PDB file of N, CA and C in Angstrom:
ATOM      1  N   VAL A   1      19.290  82.179 109.638  1.00  0.00           N
ATOM      2  CA  VAL A   1      19.288  82.136 111.416  1.00  0.00           C
ATOM      3  C   VAL A   1      20.366  81.235 111.910  1.00  0.00           C
ATOM      4  N   TYR A   2      20.626  81.958 112.320  1.00  0.00           N
ATOM      5  CA  TYR A   2      22.668  81.801 113.227  1.00  0.00           C
ATOM      6  C   TYR A   2      22.344  81.337 114.272  1.00  0.00           C
ATOM      7  N   ILE A   3      21.972  80.503 114.560  1.00  0.00           N
ATOM      8  CA  ILE A   3      21.772  79.659 116.079  1.00  0.00           C
ATOM      9  C   ILE A   3      22.955  78.672 116.470  1.00  0.00           C
ATOM     10  N   ASP A   4      23.863  78.876 116.991  1.00  0.00           N
ATOM     11  CA  ASP A   4      25.098  78.290 117.021  1.00  0.00           C
ATOM     12  C   ASP A   4      25.558  78.277 118.304  1.00  0.00           C
ATOM     13  N   ASP A   5      24.934  79.420 118.951  1.00  0.00           N
ATOM     14  CA  ASP A   5      25.594  79.830 119.993  1.00  0.00           C
ATOM     15  C   ASP A   5      24.694  80.697 121.107  1.00  0.00           C
ATOM     16  N   ILE A   6      24.338  80.806 122.470  1.00  0.00           N
ATOM     17  CA  ILE A   6      24.055  80.823 123.596  1.00  0.00           C
ATOM     18  C   ILE A   6      24.543  82.132 124.441  1.00  0.00           C
ATOM     19  N   VAL A   7      24.612  83.261 124.231  1.00  0.00           N
ATOM     20  CA  VAL A   7      25.120  84.363 125.134  1.00  0.00           C
ATOM     21  C   VAL A   7      24.393  84.602 126.021  1.00  0.00           C
ATOM     22  N   VAL A   8      24.376  84.490 127.546  1.00  0.00           N
ATOM     23  CA  VAL A   8      23.939  85.583 128.822  1.00  0.00           C
ATOM     24  C   VAL A   8      23.865  86.486 129.115  1.00  0.00           C
ATOM     25  N   TYR A   9      23.343  87.575 129.649  1.00  0.00           N
ATOM     26  CA  TYR A   9      24.031  88.726 129.813  1.00  0.00           C
ATOM     27  C   TYR A   9      22.963  89.006 130.983  1.00  0.00           C
ATOM     28  N   SER A  10      24.031  89.351 132.021  1.00  0.00           N
ATOM     29  CA  SER A  10      23.805  89.461 133.609  1.00  0.00           C
ATOM     30  C   SER A  10      24.327  91.126 134.195  1.00  0.00           C
ATOM     31  N   ARG A  11      24.248  91.650 134.215  1.00  0.00           N
ATOM     32  CA  ARG A  11      24.372  92.393 135.443  1.00  0.00           C
ATOM     33  C   ARG A  11      25.026  92.375 136.737  1.00  0.00           C
ATOM     34  N   THR A  12      24.629  91.817 137.126  1.00  0.00           N
ATOM     35  CA  THR A  12      25.317  91.390 138.739  1.00  0.00           C
ATOM     36  C   THR A  12      25.496  89.292 137.941  1.00  0.00           C
ATOM     37  N   PHE A  13      26.027  89.099 139.724  1.00  0.00           N
ATOM     38  CA  PHE A  13      26.371  87.680 139.498  1.00  0.00           C
ATOM     39  C   PHE A  13      25.151  86.383 140.305  1.00  0.00           C
ATOM     40  N   GLU A  14      24.722  87.619 140.632  1.00  0.00           N
ATOM     41  CA  GLU A  14      23.422  86.853 141.442  1.00  0.00           C
ATOM     42  C   GLU A  14      22.137  86.760 139.837  1.00  0.00           C
ATOM     43  N   GLU A  15      22.122  87.482 139.302  1.00  0.00           N
ATOM     44  CA  GLU A  15      20.944  87.852 138.558  1.00  0.00           C
ATOM     45  C   GLU A  15      21.730  87.020 136.869  1.00  0.00           C
ATOM     46  N   HIS A  16      23.157  86.256 137.245  1.00  0.00           N
ATOM     47  CA  HIS A  16      23.291  85.832 135.673  1.00  0.00           C
ATOM     48  C   HIS A  16      22.647  83.953 136.806  1.00  0.00           C
ATOM     49  N   VAL A  17      23.149  83.701 137.651  1.00  0.00           N
ATOM     50  CA  VAL A  17      22.729  82.485 138.036  1.00  0.00           C
ATOM     51  C   VAL A  17      21.296  82.286 137.460  1.00  0.00           C
ATOM     52  N   THR A  18      20.825  83.099 137.808  1.00  0.00           N
ATOM     53  CA  THR A  18      19.320  82.651 138.153  1.00  0.00           C
ATOM     54  C   THR A  18      19.107  82.665 136.347  1.00  0.00           C
ATOM     55  N   HIS A  19      19.793  83.703 135.685  1.00  0.00           N
ATOM     56  CA  HIS A  19      19.475  83.923 133.969  1.00  0.00           C
ATOM     57  C   HIS A  19      19.807  82.607 133.525  1.00  0.00           C
ATOM     58  N   LEU A  20      20.954  81.600 133.701  1.00  0.00           N
ATOM     59  CA  LEU A  20      21.356  81.055 133.348  1.00  0.00           C
ATOM     60  C   LEU A  20      20.751  79.611 134.310  1.00  0.00           C
ATOM     61  N   ASP A  21      20.025  79.553 134.566  1.00  0.00           N
ATOM     62  CA  ASP A  21      19.096  78.645 135.451  1.00  0.00           C
ATOM     63  C   ASP A  21      17.799  78.426 134.173  1.00  0.00           C
ATOM     64  N   LYS A  22      17.265  79.699 134.207  1.00  0.00           N
ATOM     65  CA  LYS A  22      16.231  79.889 133.219  1.00  0.00           C
ATOM     66  C   LYS A  22      16.453  78.979 131.560  1.00  0.00           C
ATOM     67  N   VAL A  23      17.755  79.733 131.322  1.00  0.00           N
ATOM     68  CA  VAL A  23      18.145  79.348 130.084  1.00  0.00           C
ATOM     69  C   VAL A  23      18.185  77.938 129.694  1.00  0.00           C
ATOM     70  N   LEU A  24      19.081  76.933 131.342  1.00  0.00           N
ATOM     71  CA  LEU A  24      19.271  75.598 131.080  1.00  0.00           C
ATOM     72  C   LEU A  24      18.112  75.181 131.393  1.00  0.00           C
ATOM     73  N   ALA A  25      17.073  75.283 131.538  1.00  0.00           N
ATOM     74  CA  ALA A  25      15.372  74.673 132.531  1.00  0.00           C
ATOM     75  C   ALA A  25      15.090  75.007 130.458  1.00  0.00           C
ATOM     76  N   ALA A  26      14.963  75.973 129.775  1.00  0.00           N
ATOM     77  CA  ALA A  26      14.907  76.259 128.537  1.00  0.00           C
ATOM     78  C   ALA A  26      15.591  75.397 127.676  1.00  0.00           C
ATOM     79  N   ILE A  27      16.072  74.962 127.865  1.00  0.00           N
ATOM     80  CA  ILE A  27      17.103  74.185 126.852  1.00  0.00           C
ATOM     81  C   ILE A  27      17.195  72.333 126.882  1.00  0.00           C
ATOM     82  N   GLU A  28      17.171  72.176 128.676  1.00  0.00           N
ATOM     83  CA  GLU A  28      16.169  71.041 128.900  1.00  0.00           C
ATOM     84  C   GLU A  28      15.006  70.602 128.583  1.00  0.00           C
ATOM     85  N   GLU A  29      14.253  71.406 128.821  1.00  0.00           N
ATOM     86  CA  GLU A  29      12.980  71.368 128.813  1.00  0.00           C
ATOM     87  C   GLU A  29      12.892  70.706 126.596  1.00  0.00           C
ATOM     88  N   SER A  30      13.805  71.587 126.362  1.00  0.00           N
ATOM     89  CA  SER A  30      13.155  71.208 124.400  1.00  0.00           C
ATOM     90  C   SER A  30      14.306  70.451 123.789  1.00  0.00           C
ATOM     91  N   LYS A  31      14.746  69.560 125.183  1.00  0.00           N
ATOM     92  CA  LYS A  31      15.556  68.227 124.632  1.00  0.00           C
ATOM     93  C   LYS A  31      16.433  68.662 123.803  1.00  0.00           C
ATOM     94  N   ILE A  32      17.256  69.872 123.832  1.00  0.00           N
ATOM     95  CA  ILE A  32      18.501  70.319 123.463  1.00  0.00           C
ATOM     96  C   ILE A  32      19.468  69.787 123.934  1.00  0.00           C
ATOM     97  N   THR A  33      20.760  69.426 123.416  1.00  0.00           N
ATOM     98  CA  THR A  33      22.007  68.992 123.918  1.00  0.00           C
ATOM     99  C   THR A  33      22.974  69.767 124.135  1.00  0.00           C
ATOM    100  N   LEU A  34      23.890  70.066 124.633  1.00  0.00           N
ATOM    101  CA  LEU A  34      25.394  70.916 124.865  1.00  0.00           C
ATOM    102  C   LEU A  34      25.883  70.195 125.004  1.00  0.00           C
ATOM    103  N   SER A  35      27.429  70.887 124.071  1.00  0.00           N
ATOM    104  CA  SER A  35      28.409  70.129 124.583  1.00  0.00           C
ATOM    105  C   SER A  35      29.124  70.803 125.893  1.00  0.00           C
ATOM    106  N   PRO A  36      29.715  70.441 126.271  1.00  0.00           N
ATOM    107  CA  PRO A  36      30.079  70.480 127.614  1.00  0.00           C
ATOM    108  C   PRO A  36      31.230  71.083 127.658  1.00  0.00           C
ATOM    109  N   LYS A  37      32.499  70.046 126.258  1.00  0.00           N
ATOM    110  CA  LYS A  37      34.002  71.357 125.645  1.00  0.00           C
ATOM    111  C   LYS A  37      34.355  72.538 125.042  1.00  0.00           C
ATOM    112  N   LYS A  38      32.740  72.903 124.735  1.00  0.00           N
ATOM    113  CA  LYS A  38      32.547  73.699 124.336  1.00  0.00           C
ATOM    114  C   LYS A  38      31.356  75.184 124.953  1.00  0.00           C
ATOM    115  N   SER A  39      31.072  74.671 126.335  1.00  0.00           N
ATOM    116  CA  SER A  39      30.474  75.568 127.009  1.00  0.00           C
ATOM    117  C   SER A  39      31.352  76.642 127.698  1.00  0.00           C
ATOM    118  N   HIS A  40      31.205  77.653 127.893  1.00  0.00           N
ATOM    119  CA  HIS A  40      32.004  79.007 128.489  1.00  0.00           C
ATOM    120  C   HIS A  40      31.341  79.459 129.777  1.00  0.00           C
ATOM    121  N   VAL A  41      31.470  79.639 130.472  1.00  0.00           N
ATOM    122  CA  VAL A  41      31.003  80.469 131.682  1.00  0.00           C
ATOM    123  C   VAL A  41      31.443  81.502 132.657  1.00  0.00           C
ATOM    124  N   GLY A  42      30.411  82.382 132.678  1.00  0.00           N
ATOM    125  CA  GLY A  42      31.482  83.912 133.462  1.00  0.00           C
ATOM    126  C   GLY A  42      32.229  84.174 133.034  1.00  0.00           C
ATOM    127  N   TYR A  43      32.495  84.677 131.850  1.00  0.00           N
ATOM    128  CA  TYR A  43      33.132  85.170 130.956  1.00  0.00           C
ATOM    129  C   TYR A  43      33.341  87.079 131.123  1.00  0.00           C
ATOM    130  N   GLN A  44      33.749  88.127 131.571  1.00  0.00           N
ATOM    131  CA  GLN A  44      33.126  89.344 131.278  1.00  0.00           C
ATOM    132  C   GLN A  44      33.640  89.781 130.047  1.00  0.00           C
ATOM    133  N   SER A  45      34.033  88.569 128.884  1.00  0.00           N
ATOM    134  CA  SER A  45      34.168  89.637 127.239  1.00  0.00           C
ATOM    135  C   SER A  45      34.330  88.452 126.623  1.00  0.00           C
ATOM    136  N   LEU A  46      33.895  88.580 124.702  1.00  0.00           N
ATOM    137  CA  LEU A  46      34.022  87.160 124.984  1.00  0.00           C
ATOM    138  C   LEU A  46      34.293  87.915 123.007  1.00  0.00           C
ATOM    139  N   LEU A  47      34.421  86.538 122.386  1.00  0.00           N
ATOM    140  CA  LEU A  47      34.032  87.267 120.578  1.00  0.00           C
ATOM    141  C   LEU A  47      33.241  86.133 120.024  1.00  0.00           C
ATOM    142  N   LEU A  48      32.071  87.020 119.554  1.00  0.00           N
ATOM    143  CA  LEU A  48      30.947  86.185 118.818  1.00  0.00           C
ATOM    144  C   LEU A  48      30.639  86.954 117.646  1.00  0.00           C
ATOM    145  N   LEU A  49      31.161  85.879 116.592  1.00  0.00           N
ATOM    146  CA  LEU A  49      31.140  86.514 114.958  1.00  0.00           C
ATOM    147  C   LEU A  49      32.133  87.679 114.479  1.00  0.00           C
ATOM    148  N   GLY A  50      33.306  87.617 115.292  1.00  0.00           N
ATOM    149  CA  GLY A  50      34.067  88.798 115.120  1.00  0.00           C
ATOM    150  C   GLY A  50      34.052  89.910 115.727  1.00  0.00           C
ATOM    151  N   GLN A  51      33.193  89.692 116.535  1.00  0.00           N
ATOM    152  CA  GLN A  51      33.310  91.106 117.169  1.00  0.00           C
ATOM    153  C   GLN A  51      32.885  90.927 119.049  1.00  0.00           C
ATOM    154  N   LYS A  52      33.996  91.980 119.808  1.00  0.00           N
ATOM    155  CA  LYS A  52      34.275  91.146 121.430  1.00  0.00           C
ATOM    156  C   LYS A  52      33.339  92.238 121.422  1.00  0.00           C
ATOM    157  N   VAL A  53      32.303  91.084 122.347  1.00  0.00           N
ATOM    158  CA  VAL A  53      30.666  91.719 123.044  1.00  0.00           C
ATOM    159  C   VAL A  53      31.278  91.733 124.941  1.00  0.00           C
ATOM    160  N   SER A  54      30.696  92.767 125.006  1.00  0.00           N
ATOM    161  CA  SER A  54      31.221  93.271 126.759  1.00  0.00           C
ATOM    162  C   SER A  54      30.648  93.891 127.400  1.00  0.00           C
ATOM    163  N   ARG A  55      30.736  94.263 128.464  1.00  0.00           N
ATOM    164  CA  ARG A  55      29.636  95.449 129.441  1.00  0.00           C
ATOM    165  C   ARG A  55      29.520  96.588 128.810  1.00  0.00           C
ATOM    166  N   LEU A  56      30.853  96.856 128.265  1.00  0.00           N
ATOM    167  CA  LEU A  56      31.020  98.131 127.387  1.00  0.00           C
ATOM    168  C   LEU A  56      30.076  97.989 125.458  1.00  0.00           C
ATOM    169  N   GLY A  57      29.524  96.435 125.310  1.00  0.00           N
ATOM    170  CA  GLY A  57      29.620  97.235 123.611  1.00  0.00           C
ATOM    171  C   GLY A  57      29.705  95.974 123.016  1.00  0.00           C
ATOM    172  N   LEU A  58      29.767  96.082 121.697  1.00  0.00           N
ATOM    173  CA  LEU A  58      30.504  95.503 120.897  1.00  0.00           C
ATOM    174  C   LEU A  58      31.605  96.394 120.534  1.00  0.00           C
ATOM    175  N   SER A  59      32.783  95.487 119.743  1.00  0.00           N
ATOM    176  CA  SER A  59      33.710  96.201 119.527  1.00  0.00           C
ATOM    177  C   SER A  59      34.267  95.451 118.383  1.00  0.00           C
ATOM    178  N   THR A  60      34.493  96.051 117.645  1.00  0.00           N
ATOM    179  CA  THR A  60      35.377  95.203 116.897  1.00  0.00           C
ATOM    180  C   THR A  60      37.123  94.532 117.000  1.00  0.00           C
ATOM    181  N   HIS A  61      37.330  93.509 117.416  1.00  0.00           N
ATOM    182  CA  HIS A  61      37.919  92.977 117.834  1.00  0.00           C
ATOM    183  C   HIS A  61      39.941  93.000 117.259  1.00  0.00           C
ATOM    184  N   LYS A  62      41.011  92.886 117.907  1.00  0.00           N
ATOM    185  CA  LYS A  62      41.757  94.385 117.192  1.00  0.00           C
ATOM    186  C   LYS A  62      42.596  92.984 116.544  1.00  0.00           C
ATOM    187  N   GLN A  63      42.473  92.258 115.552  1.00  0.00           N
ATOM    188  CA  GLN A  63      42.939  91.165 114.885  1.00  0.00           C
ATOM    189  C   GLN A  63      42.444  91.794 113.537  1.00  0.00           C
ATOM    190  N   LYS A  64      41.460  91.717 113.564  1.00  0.00           N
ATOM    191  CA  LYS A  64      40.032  92.354 112.031  1.00  0.00           C
ATOM    192  C   LYS A  64      40.958  94.062 112.137  1.00  0.00           C
ATOM    193  N   ILE A  65      41.131  94.687 112.751  1.00  0.00           N
ATOM    194  CA  ILE A  65      41.729  96.070 112.486  1.00  0.00           C
ATOM    195  C   ILE A  65      43.051  95.856 112.115  1.00  0.00           C
ATOM    196  N   GLU A  66      43.877  95.627 112.840  1.00  0.00           N
ATOM    197  CA  GLU A  66      45.386  94.808 111.964  1.00  0.00           C
ATOM    198  C   GLU A  66      44.956  94.246 110.602  1.00  0.00           C
ATOM    199  N   SER A  67      44.529  93.396 110.284  1.00  0.00           N
ATOM    200  CA  SER A  67      44.536  93.159 109.434  1.00  0.00           C
ATOM    201  C   SER A  67      44.147  93.871 108.226  1.00  0.00           C
ATOM    202  N   ILE A  68      42.972  94.660 108.657  1.00  0.00           N
ATOM    203  CA  ILE A  68      42.455  95.654 107.144  1.00  0.00           C
ATOM    204  C   ILE A  68      43.956  96.643 107.545  1.00  0.00           C
ATOM    205  N   THR A  69      44.048  97.654 108.862  1.00  0.00           N
ATOM    206  CA  THR A  69      45.231  98.542 108.596  1.00  0.00           C
ATOM    207  C   THR A  69      46.809  98.207 107.746  1.00  0.00           C
ATOM    208  N   SER A  70      46.454  96.739 107.719  1.00  0.00           N
ATOM    209  CA  SER A  70      48.030  96.405 107.265  1.00  0.00           C
ATOM    210  C   SER A  70      48.409  95.795 105.500  1.00  0.00           C
ATOM    211  N   LEU A  71      47.041  96.521 105.390  1.00  0.00           N
ATOM    212  CA  LEU A  71      46.670  96.180 103.616  1.00  0.00           C
ATOM    213  C   LEU A  71      47.540  97.005 102.640  1.00  0.00           C
ATOM    214  N   LYS A  72      48.019  96.441 101.144  1.00  0.00           N
ATOM    215  CA  LYS A  72      48.850  97.122 101.104  1.00  0.00           C
ATOM    216  C   LYS A  72      47.954  97.602 100.132  1.00  0.00           C
ATOM    217  N   GLU A  73      47.954  99.122  99.931  1.00  0.00           N
ATOM    218  CA  GLU A  73      47.539 100.068  98.956  1.00  0.00           C
ATOM    219  C   GLU A  73      47.713  99.689  96.977  1.00  0.00           C
ATOM    220  N   PRO A  74      46.321  99.823  97.189  1.00  0.00           N
ATOM    221  CA  PRO A  74      46.682  99.687  96.006  1.00  0.00           C
ATOM    222  C   PRO A  74      47.781 100.492  94.782  1.00  0.00           C
ATOM    223  N   THR A  75      48.246  99.712  93.927  1.00  0.00           N
ATOM    224  CA  THR A  75      48.869 100.336  92.937  1.00  0.00           C
ATOM    225  C   THR A  75      48.404 100.843  91.299  1.00  0.00           C
ATOM    226  N   ASN A  76      47.563  99.637  91.159  1.00  0.00           N
ATOM    227  CA  ASN A  76      46.810  99.974  89.530  1.00  0.00           C
ATOM    228  C   ASN A  76      45.212  99.938  90.169  1.00  0.00           C
ATOM    229  N   VAL A  77      44.908  99.828  88.489  1.00  0.00           N
ATOM    230  CA  VAL A  77      43.098  99.667  88.515  1.00  0.00           C
ATOM    231  C   VAL A  77      42.970  98.376  88.808  1.00  0.00           C
ATOM    232  N   LYS A  78      44.152  97.501  88.760  1.00  0.00           N
ATOM    233  CA  LYS A  78      43.041  95.792  88.310  1.00  0.00           C
ATOM    234  C   LYS A  78      43.752  95.381  90.298  1.00  0.00           C
ATOM    235  N   GLN A  79      44.144  95.961  91.027  1.00  0.00           N
ATOM    236  CA  GLN A  79      44.802  96.149  92.675  1.00  0.00           C
ATOM    237  C   GLN A  79      43.568  96.685  93.109  1.00  0.00           C
ATOM    238  N   LEU A  80      43.477  97.979  92.601  1.00  0.00           N
ATOM    239  CA  LEU A  80      41.931  98.927  92.987  1.00  0.00           C
ATOM    240  C   LEU A  80      40.413  97.485  93.339  1.00  0.00           C
ATOM    241  N   GLN A  81      40.130  97.069  91.239  1.00  0.00           N
ATOM    242  CA  GLN A  81      39.143  96.844  91.610  1.00  0.00           C
ATOM    243  C   GLN A  81      39.246  95.568  92.702  1.00  0.00           C
ATOM    244  N   MET A  82      40.238  94.484  92.769  1.00  0.00           N
ATOM    245  CA  MET A  82      40.191  92.718  93.523  1.00  0.00           C
ATOM    246  C   MET A  82      40.437  93.633  95.480  1.00  0.00           C
ATOM    247  N   PHE A  83      40.557  94.822  95.673  1.00  0.00           N
ATOM    248  CA  PHE A  83      40.591  95.097  96.878  1.00  0.00           C
ATOM    249  C   PHE A  83      39.106  95.568  97.074  1.00  0.00           C
ATOM    250  N   LEU A  84      38.306  95.393  96.126  1.00  0.00           N
ATOM    251  CA  LEU A  84      36.763  96.700  96.234  1.00  0.00           C
ATOM    252  C   LEU A  84      35.868  95.325  96.435  1.00  0.00           C
TER     253      LEU A  84
END
């Protein structure tokens, strides 16, 4: 189970404020503490577990794609095995 990030999605600003209020109330009621330094509010997109999350859905981050496409093609069996 991965419980380290909380992402709140809303269609409108007003809906987002309502959602945040409910989430923060539940966190407070559960006696969970958050780090203000690690808290980010109001972003239209974010990176989460290596994926870009936005109102359009999930997409692979450019950096991941570039690292894969820049890999050198294996030239022998040993390199191929390491690649796989």
